[in-house]
Amino acid sequence: MQGLEKTQLTLGFVPLSDCAPLVVAREKGFFERQGLAVDLSREASWATVRDKVAVEALDGAQTLAAMPLAATLGLGGNRKAMVTGMTIGLNGNAIVISRELWRELDDGSGLDPMATGESLRRALDARRARGLKPPRFGVTFAYSSHNYLLRYWLAASGIDPDRDVELVVVPPPRMLRSLVDNDIDGYCVGAPFGQLAVDLGVGRFAAATYEVWNNHPEKIFAVTRSWAERHPNTHVALVMALIEACRWLDDPANRLDAARLLARADYCDAPESILMATLGGTVQTGAGPRHIPDFHVFHRYQANFPWRSQALWTLAQMRRWGQIGPEVDVYALVDAVCRPDVYRAAARRLGVASPDVDFKSEGTHREKYMLETGEGPIELGADIFFDGRVFDPVPHDSDPAGTPAIRNPNAKEIER
């Protein structure tokens, strides 16, 4: 690509399976194909990633989907406007419960997230009746899908995440050790740390976040707004390389090769067999394997498109749980942070079709479906929430603050 403003780049990642697009783009030459020389920097926590991107010690990074929204608002640290031009992965997280706590559940199958959640609620009610303190669950960051989807699952199961359990932030690489040391009683984290807990016999697989919300956005590629403004061509080139890497990853024939790369000490430093299992869509629950073909999605279903409506869902959760107030103009925020124009520019140069709308509802499709566009139909994935609710990104007249609505009057939920 001609006219690159910067070609020597350092990008950050956290050692999780879904750092794969950055690893593949570097190791398979997709960055080089776009004229970029990229070094990858392994980081210990999401807070470190945020801070290094903010001061541009990193040119960009694999980040949590909520991170640019939180950073732009100044939540949890200094305010720094960030943008994202693409999503680099959907799903990939597991909700794990310690063996000790699992023994208190009256339904040990763990095959249905609603049944498991309700069984956990009964166990917590029994604990509270005995005067025991609430169990502690780890999430990887306060502004993360791990936090919001764990809260969503708990609340829909009749468990108040702020009263019935204690939620604490634990960086992904320390999550398993915290469970082994009994510092926490469960967690929500990205692969491979859910499977490692089951493999070591210290945890049980309660649910995949895919099962809580089918094909939810998980990791994105983010840069600061000022960096994007100074390097528009380089930004598009990076997105092009990552789209190609994500497309390569979603070819099943390449998943074993990807697992071998990720297993290296400088990347995930995890057993290749564990990485291959989750990349291949098979998770061990502690009561046998469960096949979840879309446990990791990197490109299909328009996975790389930065849907502004999905960012609105994240902001709706931030508001629901008291992280932001009604004064935040959520629509203006997603317009500033989510850059589908950057994605479309990159996709067009690669000949990849993309949606011509930025918003869609969530929770109405149990199977993959076709979205009509000016370039013809494109395939999108299932988007069901496990409790049957529907997320509508269009504000309703009954909500003058313009908060996107989550609808289902029959759904059980902790009132906020």
Protein backbone atom coordinates (compact mmCIF):
# COMPACT_ATOMS: atom_id res chain seq x y z
CA MET A 1 0.00 0.00 0.00
CA GLN A 2 1.40 3.38 -1.04
CA GLY A 3 1.74 6.49 1.11
CA LEU A 4 2.17 4.83 4.51
CA GLU A 5 2.87 7.43 7.18
CA LYS A 6 4.64 4.89 9.42
CA THR A 7 5.92 1.42 8.67
CA GLN A 8 7.80 0.35 11.82
CA LEU A 9 5.13 -0.47 14.41
CA THR A 10 4.76 -2.08 17.83
CA LEU A 11 1.41 -3.66 18.65
CA GLY A 12 0.33 -5.05 22.02
CA PHE A 13 -1.46 -8.25 22.95
CA VAL A 14 -2.45 -10.26 26.01
CA PRO A 15 -1.60 -14.00 25.86
CA LEU A 16 -5.03 -15.39 25.02
CA SER A 17 -6.20 -17.56 22.13
CA ASP A 18 -7.87 -14.60 20.47
CA CYS A 19 -4.60 -12.70 20.08
CA ALA A 20 -4.28 -15.06 17.11
CA PRO A 21 -5.01 -12.45 14.39
CA LEU A 22 -2.00 -10.36 15.43
CA VAL A 23 0.23 -13.43 15.74
CA VAL A 24 -0.87 -14.82 12.38
CA ALA A 25 -0.56 -11.45 10.64
CA ARG A 26 3.05 -11.25 11.78
CA GLU A 27 4.09 -14.88 11.38
CA LYS A 28 2.33 -15.48 8.05
CA GLY A 29 3.47 -12.25 6.44
CA PHE A 30 0.17 -10.39 6.21
CA PHE A 31 1.63 -7.27 7.83
CA GLU A 32 4.65 -7.46 5.54
CA ARG A 33 2.36 -7.78 2.52
CA GLN A 34 0.93 -4.35 3.40
CA GLY A 35 4.39 -2.81 3.75
CA LEU A 36 4.45 -2.96 7.55
CA ALA A 37 7.23 -4.17 9.86
CA VAL A 38 5.51 -5.11 13.10
CA ASP A 39 6.87 -6.14 16.50
CA LEU A 40 4.43 -7.69 18.95
CA SER A 41 4.63 -6.83 22.64
CA ARG A 42 3.19 -9.31 25.15
CA GLU A 43 1.46 -7.46 27.99
CA ALA A 44 0.47 -8.69 31.44
CA SER A 45 -2.90 -6.98 31.86
CA TRP A 46 -5.58 -4.99 30.07
CA ALA A 47 -4.78 -1.93 32.19
CA THR A 48 -1.22 -2.05 30.88
CA VAL A 49 -2.49 -2.33 27.30
CA ARG A 50 -4.79 0.65 27.81
CA ASP A 51 -2.08 2.81 29.34
CA LYS A 52 0.55 1.97 26.72
CA VAL A 53 -1.83 2.62 23.84
CA ALA A 54 -2.91 5.89 25.48
CA VAL A 55 0.65 7.25 25.59
CA GLU A 56 1.47 5.61 22.22
CA ALA A 57 4.19 3.41 23.66
CA LEU A 58 2.19 0.96 21.55
CA ASP A 59 0.98 2.04 18.13
CA GLY A 60 -2.12 -0.08 18.65
CA ALA A 61 -3.25 -3.27 20.30
CA GLN A 62 -5.65 -6.13 20.65
CA THR A 63 -8.05 -4.70 23.22
CA LEU A 64 -11.32 -5.51 24.91
CA ALA A 65 -14.33 -4.30 22.94
CA ALA A 66 -15.34 -1.91 25.74
CA MET A 67 -11.89 -0.42 26.29
CA PRO A 68 -11.95 2.41 23.69
CA LEU A 69 -15.38 3.48 24.97
CA ALA A 70 -14.19 3.54 28.58
CA ALA A 71 -10.89 5.25 27.73
CA THR A 72 -12.62 7.93 25.68
CA LEU A 73 -14.85 8.66 28.69
CA GLY A 74 -11.90 8.58 31.09
CA LEU A 75 -13.29 5.65 33.10
CA GLY A 76 -10.76 3.90 35.32
CA GLY A 77 -7.85 6.09 34.26
CA ASN A 78 -6.87 9.18 32.33
CA ARG A 79 -9.18 10.24 29.52
CA LYS A 80 -7.77 9.39 26.09
CA ALA A 81 -9.87 9.24 22.95
CA MET A 82 -9.51 5.91 21.15
CA VAL A 83 -11.01 4.45 18.01
CA THR A 84 -11.50 1.01 16.51
CA GLY A 85 -11.64 0.18 12.83
CA MET A 86 -12.37 -3.52 13.25
CA THR A 87 -13.34 -6.36 15.52
CA ILE A 88 -10.77 -9.17 15.51
CA GLY A 89 -12.77 -11.92 17.21
CA LEU A 90 -16.14 -13.02 18.54
CA ASN A 91 -16.85 -15.18 21.60
CA GLY A 92 -14.04 -17.24 23.15
CA ASN A 93 -14.73 -16.84 26.88
CA ALA A 94 -15.70 -19.36 29.54
CA ILE A 95 -17.48 -18.96 32.85
CA VAL A 96 -15.75 -21.33 35.28
CA ILE A 97 -16.82 -22.35 38.79
CA SER A 98 -14.44 -23.89 41.31
CA ARG A 99 -14.81 -27.58 42.10
CA GLU A 100 -15.67 -26.70 45.69
CA LEU A 101 -18.50 -24.34 44.78
CA TRP A 102 -19.73 -26.67 42.04
CA ARG A 103 -20.34 -29.39 44.63
CA GLU A 104 -22.96 -27.12 46.20
CA LEU A 105 -24.98 -26.95 42.98
CA ASP A 106 -27.96 -29.29 42.83
CA ASP A 107 -27.66 -29.76 39.08
CA GLY A 108 -24.24 -31.02 38.16
CA SER A 109 -24.79 -31.44 34.44
CA GLY A 110 -23.75 -27.93 33.45
CA LEU A 111 -25.24 -28.50 30.02
CA ASP A 112 -27.60 -25.53 30.02
CA PRO A 113 -26.57 -22.02 31.14
CA MET A 114 -30.06 -21.18 32.43
CA ALA A 115 -30.32 -24.38 34.50
CA THR A 116 -26.76 -23.95 35.80
CA GLY A 117 -27.43 -20.30 36.69
CA GLU A 118 -30.58 -21.17 38.58
CA SER A 119 -28.79 -23.97 40.40
CA LEU A 120 -26.08 -21.51 41.38
CA ARG A 121 -28.74 -19.10 42.67
CA ARG A 122 -30.18 -21.81 44.93
CA ALA A 123 -26.69 -22.63 46.21
CA LEU A 124 -26.05 -18.95 47.00
CA ASP A 125 -29.42 -18.66 48.76
CA ALA A 126 -28.44 -21.64 50.92
CA ARG A 127 -25.06 -20.09 51.67
CA ARG A 128 -26.63 -16.82 52.70
CA ALA A 129 -29.08 -18.66 54.98
CA ARG A 130 -26.08 -20.24 56.72
CA GLY A 131 -24.46 -16.84 57.19
CA LEU A 132 -21.61 -17.51 54.76
CA LYS A 133 -20.00 -14.70 52.82
CA PRO A 134 -20.70 -14.39 49.08
CA PRO A 135 -18.37 -16.20 46.71
CA ARG A 136 -15.82 -14.17 44.77
CA PHE A 137 -15.67 -14.22 40.98
CA GLY A 138 -12.88 -12.84 38.84
CA VAL A 139 -13.29 -10.74 35.71
CA THR A 140 -10.42 -9.58 33.55
CA PHE A 141 -11.24 -5.85 33.56
CA ALA A 142 -14.00 -3.63 34.88
CA TYR A 143 -14.86 -2.53 31.33
CA SER A 144 -15.01 -5.85 29.52
CA SER A 145 -17.41 -8.36 28.00
CA HIS A 146 -16.28 -10.70 30.78
CA ASN A 147 -17.77 -8.35 33.37
CA TYR A 148 -20.93 -7.53 31.43
CA LEU A 149 -21.73 -11.05 30.22
CA LEU A 150 -21.02 -12.60 33.62
CA ARG A 151 -23.32 -9.99 35.18
CA TYR A 152 -25.92 -10.62 32.48
CA TRP A 153 -25.86 -14.37 33.15
CA LEU A 154 -26.04 -13.92 36.91
CA ALA A 155 -28.83 -11.34 36.78
CA ALA A 156 -30.95 -13.38 34.37
CA SER A 157 -30.52 -16.33 36.76
CA GLY A 158 -31.88 -14.28 39.67
CA ILE A 159 -28.48 -13.45 41.20
CA ASP A 160 -27.59 -9.86 42.03
CA PRO A 161 -23.98 -9.36 40.88
CA ASP A 162 -23.46 -6.57 43.40
CA ARG A 163 -24.98 -8.30 46.42
CA ASP A 164 -24.96 -12.07 46.02
CA VAL A 165 -21.38 -12.37 44.74
CA GLU A 166 -18.22 -10.28 44.89
CA LEU A 167 -16.64 -9.37 41.56
CA VAL A 168 -12.92 -8.61 41.47
CA VAL A 169 -10.53 -7.76 38.64
CA VAL A 170 -7.81 -10.34 37.96
CA PRO A 171 -5.53 -10.13 34.87
CA PRO A 172 -6.02 -13.16 32.59
CA PRO A 173 -2.55 -14.71 33.16
CA ARG A 174 -3.17 -14.67 36.96
CA MET A 175 -6.72 -16.00 36.83
CA LEU A 176 -5.92 -19.71 37.04
CA ARG A 177 -3.45 -19.27 39.92
CA SER A 178 -6.06 -17.25 41.82
CA LEU A 179 -8.52 -20.12 41.47
CA VAL A 180 -5.94 -22.71 42.53
CA ASP A 181 -5.05 -20.59 45.59
CA ASN A 182 -8.75 -20.22 46.51
CA ASP A 183 -8.55 -16.45 46.18
CA ILE A 184 -11.59 -16.63 43.90
CA ASP A 185 -14.43 -19.13 43.51
CA GLY A 186 -14.90 -18.75 39.78
CA TYR A 187 -14.18 -16.48 36.86
CA CYS A 188 -15.03 -15.37 33.37
CA VAL A 189 -11.97 -15.31 31.12
CA GLY A 190 -10.83 -15.94 27.58
CA ALA A 191 -9.34 -19.17 26.31
CA PRO A 192 -7.22 -21.03 27.17
CA PHE A 193 -7.66 -20.27 30.88
CA GLY A 194 -11.13 -21.80 31.16
CA GLN A 195 -9.98 -25.08 29.69
CA LEU A 196 -6.80 -25.10 31.76
CA ALA A 197 -8.90 -24.98 34.95
CA VAL A 198 -10.92 -28.00 33.80
CA ASP A 199 -7.80 -29.83 32.63
CA LEU A 200 -6.14 -29.35 36.03
CA GLY A 201 -9.29 -30.47 37.84
CA VAL A 202 -9.73 -27.22 39.80
CA GLY A 203 -12.75 -25.83 37.95
CA ARG A 204 -15.92 -26.78 36.11
CA PHE A 205 -17.15 -25.22 32.89
CA ALA A 206 -20.46 -23.47 33.65
CA ALA A 207 -21.09 -21.73 30.33
CA ALA A 208 -19.44 -20.24 27.28
CA THR A 209 -20.17 -16.57 26.80
CA TYR A 210 -21.21 -17.62 23.28
CA GLU A 211 -24.11 -19.39 25.00
CA VAL A 212 -25.02 -16.23 26.91
CA TRP A 213 -25.02 -14.11 23.74
CA ASN A 214 -24.36 -15.85 20.43
CA ASN A 215 -21.52 -14.23 18.49
CA HIS A 216 -20.88 -11.29 20.77
CA PRO A 217 -17.95 -8.97 20.00
CA GLU A 218 -14.94 -9.83 22.11
CA LYS A 219 -11.60 -8.34 21.01
CA ILE A 220 -11.00 -5.40 18.71
CA PHE A 221 -8.04 -3.55 17.27
CA ALA A 222 -7.68 -0.08 18.79
CA VAL A 223 -5.49 2.98 18.38
CA THR A 224 -5.76 6.47 19.80
CA ARG A 225 -7.84 8.94 17.82
CA SER A 226 -4.82 11.21 17.41
CA TRP A 227 -2.72 8.30 16.08
CA ALA A 228 -5.44 7.45 13.56
CA GLU A 229 -5.63 11.06 12.41
CA ARG A 230 -1.85 11.22 11.89
CA HIS A 231 -1.60 7.80 10.19
CA PRO A 232 -4.78 7.23 8.15
CA ASN A 233 -3.12 5.11 5.44
CA THR A 234 -1.17 3.05 7.95
CA HIS A 235 -4.37 2.49 9.91
CA VAL A 236 -6.15 1.12 6.84
CA ALA A 237 -3.12 -1.06 6.00
CA LEU A 238 -3.15 -2.55 9.51
CA VAL A 239 -6.85 -3.34 9.22
CA MET A 240 -6.26 -4.93 5.81
CA ALA A 241 -3.54 -7.19 7.22
CA LEU A 242 -5.70 -8.19 10.17
CA ILE A 243 -8.71 -8.93 7.96
CA GLU A 244 -6.53 -11.27 5.92
CA ALA A 245 -5.23 -12.93 9.09
CA CYS A 246 -8.77 -13.38 10.43
CA ARG A 247 -9.89 -14.86 7.12
CA TRP A 248 -6.93 -17.28 7.24
CA LEU A 249 -7.82 -18.26 10.80
CA ASP A 250 -11.42 -19.13 9.92
CA ASP A 251 -10.27 -21.77 7.47
CA PRO A 252 -10.51 -24.97 9.57
CA ALA A 253 -7.46 -26.34 7.77
CA ASN A 254 -5.35 -23.63 9.40
CA ARG A 255 -6.46 -24.00 13.02
CA LEU A 256 -3.81 -26.58 13.94
CA ASP A 257 -1.09 -24.36 12.51
CA ALA A 258 -2.54 -21.47 14.52
CA ALA A 259 -2.51 -23.54 17.72
CA ARG A 260 1.17 -24.36 17.17
CA LEU A 261 2.01 -20.69 16.76
CA LEU A 262 0.04 -19.63 19.83
CA ALA A 263 1.59 -22.37 21.98
CA ARG A 264 5.02 -20.76 21.66
CA ALA A 265 6.54 -19.26 24.80
CA ASP A 266 6.59 -15.76 23.32
CA TYR A 267 2.84 -15.86 22.65
CA CYS A 268 0.40 -17.84 24.84
CA ASP A 269 2.89 -20.35 26.29
CA ALA A 270 0.09 -22.91 26.71
CA PRO A 271 -0.39 -26.55 25.70
CA GLU A 272 -1.00 -26.91 21.99
CA SER A 273 -3.71 -29.53 22.66
CA ILE A 274 -5.72 -27.12 24.82
CA LEU A 275 -5.42 -24.33 22.28
CA MET A 276 -6.39 -26.64 19.42
CA ALA A 277 -9.46 -27.92 21.28
CA THR A 278 -11.02 -24.50 21.77
CA LEU A 279 -9.93 -23.24 18.35
CA GLY A 280 -11.60 -26.35 16.95
CA GLY A 281 -14.81 -25.71 18.88
CA THR A 282 -14.62 -28.43 21.54
CA VAL A 283 -14.59 -27.54 25.23
CA GLN A 284 -14.19 -29.85 28.20
CA THR A 285 -16.77 -29.16 30.90
CA GLY A 286 -15.59 -31.52 33.63
CA ALA A 287 -18.48 -33.82 32.71
CA GLY A 288 -17.40 -34.57 29.16
CA PRO A 289 -16.80 -32.59 25.98
CA ARG A 290 -19.20 -30.03 24.56
CA HIS A 291 -19.03 -29.06 20.89
CA ILE A 292 -19.47 -25.33 20.28
CA PRO A 293 -18.50 -24.79 16.63
CA ASP A 294 -18.53 -21.01 16.97
CA PHE A 295 -16.59 -20.87 20.23
CA HIS A 296 -14.01 -18.80 18.31
CA VAL A 297 -15.08 -16.79 15.28
CA PHE A 298 -12.47 -14.63 13.57
CA HIS A 299 -13.93 -13.65 10.18
CA ARG A 300 -17.16 -15.38 9.15
CA TYR A 301 -20.53 -13.73 9.88
CA GLN A 302 -18.98 -10.29 9.21
CA ALA A 303 -17.12 -10.76 12.49
CA ASN A 304 -14.63 -8.02 11.67
CA PHE A 305 -17.17 -5.28 11.08
CA PRO A 306 -17.25 -2.75 13.99
CA TRP A 307 -21.01 -2.63 14.56
CA ARG A 308 -22.00 0.59 16.31
CA SER A 309 -25.12 -1.15 17.61
CA GLN A 310 -23.01 -3.71 19.49
CA ALA A 311 -21.06 -0.87 21.10
CA LEU A 312 -24.43 0.52 22.19
CA TRP A 313 -25.18 -2.78 23.95
CA THR A 314 -21.93 -2.41 25.88
CA LEU A 315 -22.84 1.14 26.86
CA ALA A 316 -26.29 -0.03 27.92
CA GLN A 317 -24.57 -2.46 30.31
CA MET A 318 -22.28 0.29 31.59
CA ARG A 319 -25.37 2.35 32.38
CA ARG A 320 -27.25 -0.60 33.84
CA TRP A 321 -24.47 -1.31 36.33
CA GLY A 322 -23.79 2.30 37.29
CA GLN A 323 -20.53 2.89 35.43
CA ILE A 324 -21.99 5.76 33.39
CA GLY A 325 -24.94 8.04 33.94
CA PRO A 326 -27.71 9.39 31.70
CA GLU A 327 -25.60 12.42 30.84
CA VAL A 328 -23.47 10.32 28.45
CA ASP A 329 -24.64 10.69 24.84
CA VAL A 330 -24.15 7.07 23.86
CA TYR A 331 -24.94 7.59 20.20
CA ALA A 332 -22.39 10.40 19.83
CA LEU A 333 -19.84 8.26 21.65
CA VAL A 334 -20.19 5.23 19.37
CA ASP A 335 -20.04 7.49 16.31
CA ALA A 336 -16.71 8.86 17.57
CA VAL A 337 -15.17 5.54 18.66
CA CYS A 338 -16.43 2.97 16.13
CA ARG A 339 -15.05 3.58 12.63
CA PRO A 340 -16.86 1.41 10.09
CA ASP A 341 -15.56 3.80 7.43
CA VAL A 342 -12.02 2.58 8.11
CA TYR A 343 -13.13 -1.03 7.91
CA ARG A 344 -15.04 -0.49 4.68
CA ALA A 345 -12.03 1.20 3.08
CA ALA A 346 -9.81 -1.76 3.99
CA ALA A 347 -12.39 -4.37 3.01
CA ARG A 348 -13.03 -2.70 -0.35
CA ARG A 349 -9.34 -2.86 -1.25
CA LEU A 350 -9.33 -6.58 -0.42
CA GLY A 351 -12.54 -7.27 -2.30
CA VAL A 352 -14.31 -8.26 0.92
CA ALA A 353 -18.02 -7.44 1.16
CA SER A 354 -19.19 -5.41 4.14
CA PRO A 355 -22.53 -4.21 5.52
CA ASP A 356 -23.82 -0.84 4.34
CA VAL A 357 -25.56 -0.20 7.67
CA ASP A 358 -23.93 0.38 11.07
CA PHE A 359 -26.76 -0.78 13.34
CA LYS A 360 -28.69 -4.01 13.76
CA SER A 361 -30.86 -5.57 16.43
CA GLU A 362 -29.55 -8.46 18.53
CA GLY A 363 -31.44 -11.44 19.87
CA THR A 364 -33.78 -12.30 17.00
CA HIS A 365 -31.82 -14.89 14.98
CA ARG A 366 -31.30 -18.45 16.23
CA GLU A 367 -29.45 -19.44 13.09
CA LYS A 368 -27.18 -17.71 10.64
CA TYR A 369 -29.06 -15.46 8.22
CA MET A 370 -28.57 -13.22 5.20
CA LEU A 371 -28.43 -9.42 5.33
CA GLU A 372 -29.26 -7.62 2.12
CA THR A 373 -26.78 -4.95 1.06
CA GLY A 374 -26.19 -2.84 -2.01
CA GLU A 375 -23.52 -5.37 -3.05
CA GLY A 376 -25.80 -8.36 -2.52
CA PRO A 377 -26.65 -10.57 0.48
CA ILE A 378 -24.02 -11.27 3.14
CA GLU A 379 -24.13 -13.90 5.86
CA LEU A 380 -24.45 -12.99 9.53
CA GLY A 381 -24.43 -15.33 12.52
CA ALA A 382 -26.93 -16.24 15.20
CA ASP A 383 -27.35 -13.51 17.80
CA ILE A 384 -29.63 -15.00 20.48
CA PHE A 385 -29.38 -14.08 24.17
CA PHE A 386 -29.82 -17.12 26.41
CA ASP A 387 -32.78 -15.56 28.24
CA GLY A 388 -34.66 -14.71 25.05
CA ARG A 389 -34.32 -10.97 25.29
CA VAL A 390 -33.93 -8.61 22.32
CA PHE A 391 -31.63 -5.60 22.12
CA ASP A 392 -32.98 -2.75 20.05
CA PRO A 393 -30.42 -0.04 19.22
CA VAL A 394 -33.12 2.45 18.25
CA PRO A 395 -34.21 4.70 21.17
CA HIS A 396 -37.90 4.50 22.03
CA ASP A 397 -40.22 7.43 22.61
CA SER A 398 -40.75 6.22 26.17
CA ASP A 399 -37.06 6.73 26.89
CA PRO A 400 -36.26 10.42 26.42
CA ALA A 401 -32.63 9.86 27.41
CA GLY A 402 -32.21 7.80 24.26
CA THR A 403 -30.94 4.67 25.97
CA PRO A 404 -31.00 1.67 23.63
CA ALA A 405 -33.68 -0.70 24.84
CA ILE A 406 -33.36 -4.31 25.97
CA ARG A 407 -36.80 -5.84 25.57
CA ASN A 408 -38.58 -8.89 26.96
CA PRO A 409 -41.18 -8.21 29.64
CA ASN A 410 -41.28 -11.90 30.60
CA ALA A 411 -37.54 -12.29 31.24
CA LYS A 412 -36.35 -12.71 34.80
CA GLU A 413 -33.85 -10.04 35.73
CA ILE A 414 -32.46 -8.29 38.76
CA GLU A 415 -34.04 -4.84 38.75
CA ARG A 416 -31.60 -1.99 38.78
